[in-house]
């Protein structure tokens, strides 16, 4: 059994009594940000749902929390709530990030680097589920937001990660329903061929392949940075399922007693992110978790050839250098 939320947070805080809180006034004036022994986290999709809860937990653990979201109005509400509930940690800021736009991702990274902060933790939490067909940047939206966006973001932040940083990528049990991996069919190009659920499943397979290859690259370079992926559970109360038809939402609501609570799912992400649970002391990186249990994904997610093919093609699509060659 893993530790619960309060046990994890208390253990970390007890072991970090030398961490000093900052008292930043959150004016977003870069010159006023002072970092003193705080760990820094970027968490995408933190304006509601899992991202919101996990951000609050990390703020309580005295992380410098950067909320990265497309909707800054919603993010401002989360920011205010976190600051109200964590009065001893004022280093929580909000920054614009739209994972459906290469330009937005690049601008976010530029602004982050202007803060002159290290990066100890990146949680690629944002995602979309079965939206209407669209082609942001010329790619099917779930492929773009659930894979290419986080892939580009992570690569552009590579030189900011600290020696023992962690990258957490959210996947899903839905990866088990993915198509046979085909590097030439990563993104659906026409509405006639668009199977929204299948494309979601594919994108969550890519999250695991991305994590595996990223971790292989770290190990190849003798780095202590690790990348992990997880299925946080099926959380019926989040905004992820907003595109479901009414009848499906009704069924999901009936199934709520049998789904994962947002608290359980948030703790699963949090414990991987901070690594304080004794059960997580010997991770090598690349592991996939089903909520709190390390498990094997489907066989095609374990293929190093698939890892490399996806990584190489993603670099091509994002127009960046392949650091894994």
Protein backbone atom coordinates (compact mmCIF):
# COMPACT_ATOMS: atom_id res chain seq x y z
CA UNK A 1 0.00 0.00 0.00
CA UNK A 2 1.29 3.47 -0.84
CA UNK A 3 1.16 6.42 1.49
CA UNK A 4 -1.87 8.68 1.44
CA UNK A 5 -1.75 12.36 0.47
CA UNK A 6 -1.16 13.79 3.94
CA UNK A 7 1.49 11.19 4.80
CA UNK A 8 3.44 11.93 1.62
CA UNK A 9 3.24 15.70 2.07
CA UNK A 10 4.19 15.51 5.75
CA UNK A 11 7.16 13.25 5.03
CA UNK A 12 8.50 15.63 2.41
CA UNK A 13 8.00 18.72 4.53
CA UNK A 14 9.65 17.07 7.53
CA UNK A 15 12.65 16.21 5.40
CA UNK A 16 12.91 19.71 3.94
CA UNK A 17 12.87 22.01 6.94
CA UNK A 18 15.73 23.96 5.34
CA UNK A 19 13.47 25.09 2.48
CA UNK A 20 12.63 28.73 2.85
CA UNK A 21 9.38 30.15 1.51
CA UNK A 22 9.60 33.15 -0.75
CA UNK A 23 6.68 35.50 -0.38
CA UNK A 24 6.55 36.42 -4.08
CA UNK A 25 3.75 38.90 -4.68
CA UNK A 26 2.71 37.12 -7.92
CA UNK A 27 2.87 40.32 -9.93
CA UNK A 28 4.46 38.33 -12.78
CA UNK A 29 7.39 40.71 -12.75
CA UNK A 30 10.21 38.33 -13.61
CA UNK A 31 12.77 40.40 -11.72
CA UNK A 32 10.88 39.89 -8.44
CA UNK A 33 10.97 36.09 -8.52
CA UNK A 34 13.49 34.73 -6.03
CA UNK A 35 14.07 31.00 -5.79
CA UNK A 36 15.64 29.67 -2.60
CA UNK A 37 15.79 25.88 -2.37
CA UNK A 38 12.33 25.36 -3.82
CA UNK A 39 11.79 22.72 -6.48
CA UNK A 40 10.16 24.01 -9.65
CA UNK A 41 7.29 22.26 -11.45
CA UNK A 42 5.44 22.99 -14.67
CA UNK A 43 2.06 21.28 -14.87
CA UNK A 44 -0.02 21.51 -18.03
CA UNK A 45 -3.79 21.37 -17.97
CA UNK A 46 -3.92 22.70 -14.43
CA UNK A 47 -6.96 24.96 -14.69
CA UNK A 48 -9.32 22.20 -13.54
CA UNK A 49 -9.60 18.50 -12.77
CA UNK A 50 -6.51 16.46 -11.95
CA UNK A 51 -4.09 19.21 -12.83
CA UNK A 52 -5.76 21.62 -10.45
CA UNK A 53 -5.71 19.17 -7.54
CA UNK A 54 -2.12 18.05 -8.12
CA UNK A 55 -0.96 21.66 -8.41
CA UNK A 56 -2.46 22.40 -5.01
CA UNK A 57 -0.76 19.37 -3.49
CA UNK A 58 2.61 20.42 -4.91
CA UNK A 59 2.17 23.97 -3.65
CA UNK A 60 1.54 22.57 -0.16
CA UNK A 61 4.82 20.68 -0.51
CA UNK A 62 6.47 24.05 -1.18
CA UNK A 63 7.12 23.58 -4.87
CA UNK A 64 7.39 26.64 -7.08
CA UNK A 65 4.32 25.86 -9.19
CA UNK A 66 3.84 27.07 -12.77
CA UNK A 67 0.30 26.59 -14.03
CA UNK A 68 0.50 26.16 -17.82
CA UNK A 69 -2.89 26.56 -19.48
CA UNK A 70 -4.71 27.75 -22.58
CA UNK A 71 -7.49 29.49 -20.63
CA UNK A 72 -5.85 32.08 -18.38
CA UNK A 73 -9.18 33.19 -16.88
CA UNK A 74 -9.86 29.70 -15.52
CA UNK A 75 -6.22 29.38 -14.45
CA UNK A 76 -6.50 32.65 -12.49
CA UNK A 77 -9.28 31.14 -10.37
CA UNK A 78 -7.07 28.15 -9.58
CA UNK A 79 -4.11 30.41 -8.85
CA UNK A 80 -6.15 32.47 -6.38
CA UNK A 81 -7.50 29.35 -4.69
CA UNK A 82 -4.04 27.81 -4.27
CA UNK A 83 -2.58 31.03 -2.86
CA UNK A 84 -5.47 31.25 -0.40
CA UNK A 85 -4.99 27.67 0.83
CA UNK A 86 -1.17 27.73 0.92
CA UNK A 87 -0.36 31.05 2.64
CA UNK A 88 3.25 30.02 3.31
CA UNK A 89 4.03 29.54 -0.38
CA UNK A 90 3.42 32.51 -2.65
CA UNK A 91 5.46 31.18 -5.57
CA UNK A 92 2.61 30.01 -7.76
CA UNK A 93 2.29 31.65 -11.16
CA UNK A 94 0.18 31.20 -14.28
CA UNK A 95 1.48 31.17 -17.86
CA UNK A 96 -0.21 30.85 -21.23
CA UNK A 97 0.25 27.53 -23.05
CA UNK A 98 -1.83 26.19 -25.92
CA UNK A 99 -0.64 22.70 -26.84
CA UNK A 100 -2.47 22.85 -30.17
CA UNK A 101 -0.13 25.60 -31.34
CA UNK A 102 3.60 25.22 -32.03
CA UNK A 103 3.97 28.99 -31.74
CA UNK A 104 2.33 29.05 -28.30
CA UNK A 105 4.57 26.24 -27.07
CA UNK A 106 7.69 28.03 -28.29
CA UNK A 107 6.56 31.31 -26.73
CA UNK A 108 5.86 29.58 -23.41
CA UNK A 109 9.37 28.13 -23.35
CA UNK A 110 10.91 31.51 -24.16
CA UNK A 111 8.98 33.12 -21.31
CA UNK A 112 9.87 30.32 -18.91
CA UNK A 113 13.57 30.64 -19.71
CA UNK A 114 13.34 34.38 -19.04
CA UNK A 115 12.43 33.50 -15.44
CA UNK A 116 15.93 32.03 -15.01
CA UNK A 117 14.55 29.07 -13.09
CA UNK A 118 15.69 25.45 -13.16
CA UNK A 119 13.09 22.76 -13.83
CA UNK A 120 12.79 19.83 -11.44
CA UNK A 121 9.47 18.42 -12.56
CA UNK A 122 7.35 18.49 -15.70
CA UNK A 123 3.88 16.96 -15.60
CA UNK A 124 2.39 16.59 -19.07
CA UNK A 125 -1.16 16.35 -17.81
CA UNK A 126 -3.21 18.26 -20.40
CA UNK A 127 -5.19 16.25 -22.90
CA UNK A 128 -8.38 16.06 -24.93
CA UNK A 129 -10.79 13.18 -25.48
CA UNK A 130 -12.76 12.49 -28.68
CA UNK A 131 -13.27 16.08 -29.86
CA UNK A 132 -14.86 16.96 -33.20
CA UNK A 133 -12.45 16.53 -36.09
CA UNK A 134 -9.98 19.36 -36.61
CA UNK A 135 -6.42 19.79 -37.88
CA UNK A 136 -4.45 22.26 -35.72
CA UNK A 137 -1.04 22.75 -37.31
CA UNK A 138 -2.19 20.24 -39.94
CA UNK A 139 -2.44 17.34 -37.47
CA UNK A 140 -5.47 15.59 -35.98
CA UNK A 141 -6.20 17.41 -32.73
CA UNK A 142 -5.72 14.49 -30.32
CA UNK A 143 -2.39 13.61 -31.92
CA UNK A 144 -1.39 17.27 -31.64
CA UNK A 145 -2.55 18.04 -28.10
CA UNK A 146 -1.97 14.64 -26.49
CA UNK A 147 1.36 13.87 -28.15
CA UNK A 148 3.09 16.39 -30.43
CA UNK A 149 2.49 19.34 -28.08
CA UNK A 150 3.94 17.65 -24.97
CA UNK A 151 6.72 16.16 -27.11
CA UNK A 152 7.81 19.56 -28.41
CA UNK A 153 7.42 21.19 -24.99
CA UNK A 154 9.60 18.56 -23.32
CA UNK A 155 12.30 18.79 -25.99
CA UNK A 156 12.47 22.57 -25.86
CA UNK A 157 12.84 22.46 -22.07
CA UNK A 158 15.57 19.83 -22.16
CA UNK A 159 18.41 22.14 -21.15
CA UNK A 160 16.47 23.42 -18.13
CA UNK A 161 16.00 20.09 -16.35
CA UNK A 162 17.99 19.64 -13.15
CA UNK A 163 20.18 16.59 -12.55
CA UNK A 164 17.45 14.58 -10.81
CA UNK A 165 14.42 15.94 -12.63
CA UNK A 166 11.31 13.92 -13.43
CA UNK A 167 8.94 13.98 -16.39
CA UNK A 168 5.48 12.50 -15.84
CA UNK A 169 3.40 11.74 -18.94
CA UNK A 170 -0.27 10.87 -18.60
CA UNK A 171 -1.35 7.87 -20.62
CA UNK A 172 -4.46 5.71 -20.30
CA UNK A 173 -5.65 2.12 -20.22
CA UNK A 174 -7.26 3.10 -23.51
CA UNK A 175 -3.85 2.50 -25.12
CA UNK A 176 -4.83 -1.17 -25.09
CA UNK A 177 -7.44 -0.36 -27.75
CA UNK A 178 -4.97 1.35 -30.08
CA UNK A 179 -4.34 0.41 -33.69
CA UNK A 180 -1.27 -1.57 -34.66
CA UNK A 181 1.48 1.04 -34.55
CA UNK A 182 2.10 2.59 -37.96
CA UNK A 183 4.52 5.50 -38.12
CA UNK A 184 3.02 6.55 -41.46
CA UNK A 185 -0.48 6.86 -39.98
CA UNK A 186 0.05 8.86 -36.81
CA UNK A 187 -2.43 11.60 -37.69
CA UNK A 188 -5.80 11.25 -39.38
CA UNK A 189 -6.03 13.65 -42.31
CA UNK A 190 -9.72 13.58 -43.20
CA UNK A 191 -13.02 13.58 -41.36
CA UNK A 192 -14.18 10.58 -43.42
CA UNK A 193 -11.50 8.42 -41.78
CA UNK A 194 -11.82 9.94 -38.30
CA UNK A 195 -12.54 7.48 -35.51
CA UNK A 196 -12.30 9.75 -32.48
CA UNK A 197 -12.08 7.00 -29.86
CA UNK A 198 -9.45 5.06 -31.79
CA UNK A 199 -7.35 8.20 -32.28
CA UNK A 200 -7.54 8.90 -28.55
CA UNK A 201 -6.33 5.37 -27.82
CA UNK A 202 -3.50 5.81 -30.30
CA UNK A 203 -2.42 9.07 -28.67
CA UNK A 204 -2.20 7.33 -25.29
CA UNK A 205 -0.04 4.59 -26.81
CA UNK A 206 2.23 7.35 -28.10
CA UNK A 207 2.51 8.76 -24.56
CA UNK A 208 4.07 5.48 -23.44
CA UNK A 209 6.33 5.17 -26.48
CA UNK A 210 7.47 8.77 -25.95
CA UNK A 211 8.19 8.09 -22.29
CA UNK A 212 10.16 4.93 -23.04
CA UNK A 213 12.33 6.56 -25.69
CA UNK A 214 12.86 9.71 -23.62
CA UNK A 215 14.07 7.60 -20.73
CA UNK A 216 16.34 5.55 -23.04
CA UNK A 217 17.95 8.79 -24.22
CA UNK A 218 18.52 9.91 -20.64
CA UNK A 219 20.18 6.61 -19.76
CA UNK A 220 22.29 6.68 -22.92
CA UNK A 221 23.65 10.04 -21.75
CA UNK A 222 24.23 8.79 -18.17
CA UNK A 223 21.59 11.15 -16.85
CA UNK A 224 19.74 10.68 -13.56
CA UNK A 225 16.59 12.26 -15.02
CA UNK A 226 13.74 9.79 -15.31
CA UNK A 227 10.53 9.75 -17.32
CA UNK A 228 7.43 7.87 -16.19
CA UNK A 229 3.94 7.34 -17.56
CA UNK A 230 0.70 6.37 -15.90
CA UNK A 231 -2.98 5.74 -16.31
CA UNK A 232 -4.49 7.80 -13.46
CA UNK A 233 -7.83 6.01 -13.59
CA UNK A 234 -11.20 6.85 -15.13
CA UNK A 235 -12.38 9.98 -13.36
CA UNK A 236 -15.98 10.65 -14.31
CA UNK A 237 -16.13 14.05 -12.61
CA UNK A 238 -13.47 15.83 -14.70
CA UNK A 239 -13.96 17.93 -17.82
CA UNK A 240 -12.14 15.39 -20.00
CA UNK A 241 -15.38 13.83 -21.20
CA UNK A 242 -17.07 17.07 -22.28
CA UNK A 243 -17.37 15.92 -25.89
CA UNK A 244 -19.26 12.76 -25.05
CA UNK A 245 -22.86 12.64 -26.30
CA UNK A 246 -25.56 13.09 -23.66
CA UNK A 247 -26.44 9.40 -23.42
CA UNK A 248 -22.79 8.48 -22.82
CA UNK A 249 -22.46 11.12 -20.11
CA UNK A 250 -25.58 9.67 -18.48
CA UNK A 251 -24.05 6.18 -18.48
CA UNK A 252 -20.76 7.54 -17.15
CA UNK A 253 -22.61 9.27 -14.33
CA UNK A 254 -24.35 6.01 -13.41
CA UNK A 255 -20.94 4.30 -13.33
CA UNK A 256 -19.44 6.94 -11.06
CA UNK A 257 -19.37 4.69 -7.96
CA UNK A 258 -17.14 2.27 -9.90
CA UNK A 259 -14.75 4.86 -11.34
CA UNK A 260 -11.63 6.37 -9.80
CA UNK A 261 -12.07 9.34 -7.48
CA UNK A 262 -10.22 12.51 -8.37
CA UNK A 263 -8.42 12.29 -5.02
CA UNK A 264 -7.10 8.78 -5.72
CA UNK A 265 -6.00 9.74 -9.22
CA UNK A 266 -4.31 12.94 -8.03
CA UNK A 267 -2.36 11.08 -5.35
CA UNK A 268 -1.21 8.57 -7.99
CA UNK A 269 0.25 11.39 -10.08
CA UNK A 270 1.66 13.19 -7.06
CA UNK A 271 3.48 10.18 -5.62
CA UNK A 272 5.21 9.52 -8.96
CA UNK A 273 6.06 13.20 -9.30
CA UNK A 274 7.73 13.65 -5.92
CA UNK A 275 9.07 10.10 -5.53
CA UNK A 276 8.72 10.20 -1.73
CA UNK A 277 6.79 6.96 -1.33
CA UNK A 278 9.22 4.19 -0.20
CA UNK A 279 7.77 1.92 -2.87
CA UNK A 280 9.11 4.25 -5.56
CA UNK A 281 12.72 4.55 -4.44
CA UNK A 282 14.23 2.16 -6.99
CA UNK A 283 12.68 3.27 -10.24
CA UNK A 284 14.91 3.16 -13.31
CA UNK A 285 12.62 5.32 -15.40
CA UNK A 286 10.41 4.35 -18.29
CA UNK A 287 7.96 2.49 -16.06
CA UNK A 288 4.22 2.58 -16.74
CA UNK A 289 1.73 2.63 -13.85
CA UNK A 290 -1.94 1.73 -13.69
CA UNK A 291 -2.87 4.23 -10.98
CA UNK A 292 -0.54 3.10 -8.16
CA UNK A 293 0.58 -0.24 -9.59
CA UNK A 294 3.55 -0.64 -11.91
CA UNK A 295 2.51 -2.86 -14.80
CA UNK A 296 3.43 -3.70 -18.38
CA UNK A 297 1.66 -1.87 -21.20
CA UNK A 298 0.68 -3.79 -24.33
CA UNK A 299 3.53 -5.49 -26.25
CA UNK A 300 3.78 -2.91 -29.03
CA UNK A 301 4.51 -0.28 -26.35
CA UNK A 302 7.59 -2.30 -25.36
CA UNK A 303 9.11 -2.29 -28.86
CA UNK A 304 12.26 -0.17 -28.98
CA UNK A 305 11.81 0.08 -32.74
CA UNK A 306 8.41 1.72 -32.17
CA UNK A 307 9.90 4.09 -29.59
CA UNK A 308 12.54 5.24 -32.04
CA UNK A 309 10.21 5.48 -35.02
CA UNK A 310 7.73 7.65 -33.16
CA UNK A 311 10.46 9.88 -31.74
CA UNK A 312 12.12 10.39 -35.11
CA UNK A 313 8.87 11.16 -36.92
CA UNK A 314 7.77 13.52 -34.13
CA UNK A 315 11.05 15.44 -34.47
CA UNK A 316 10.38 15.71 -38.18
CA UNK A 317 6.86 17.04 -37.60
CA UNK A 318 8.02 19.50 -34.93
CA UNK A 319 11.04 20.55 -37.00
CA UNK A 320 13.54 19.97 -34.20
CA UNK A 321 16.82 18.06 -33.95
CA UNK A 322 16.67 14.40 -32.94
CA UNK A 323 18.68 14.17 -29.71
CA UNK A 324 18.22 10.41 -29.60
CA UNK A 325 20.31 9.48 -32.64
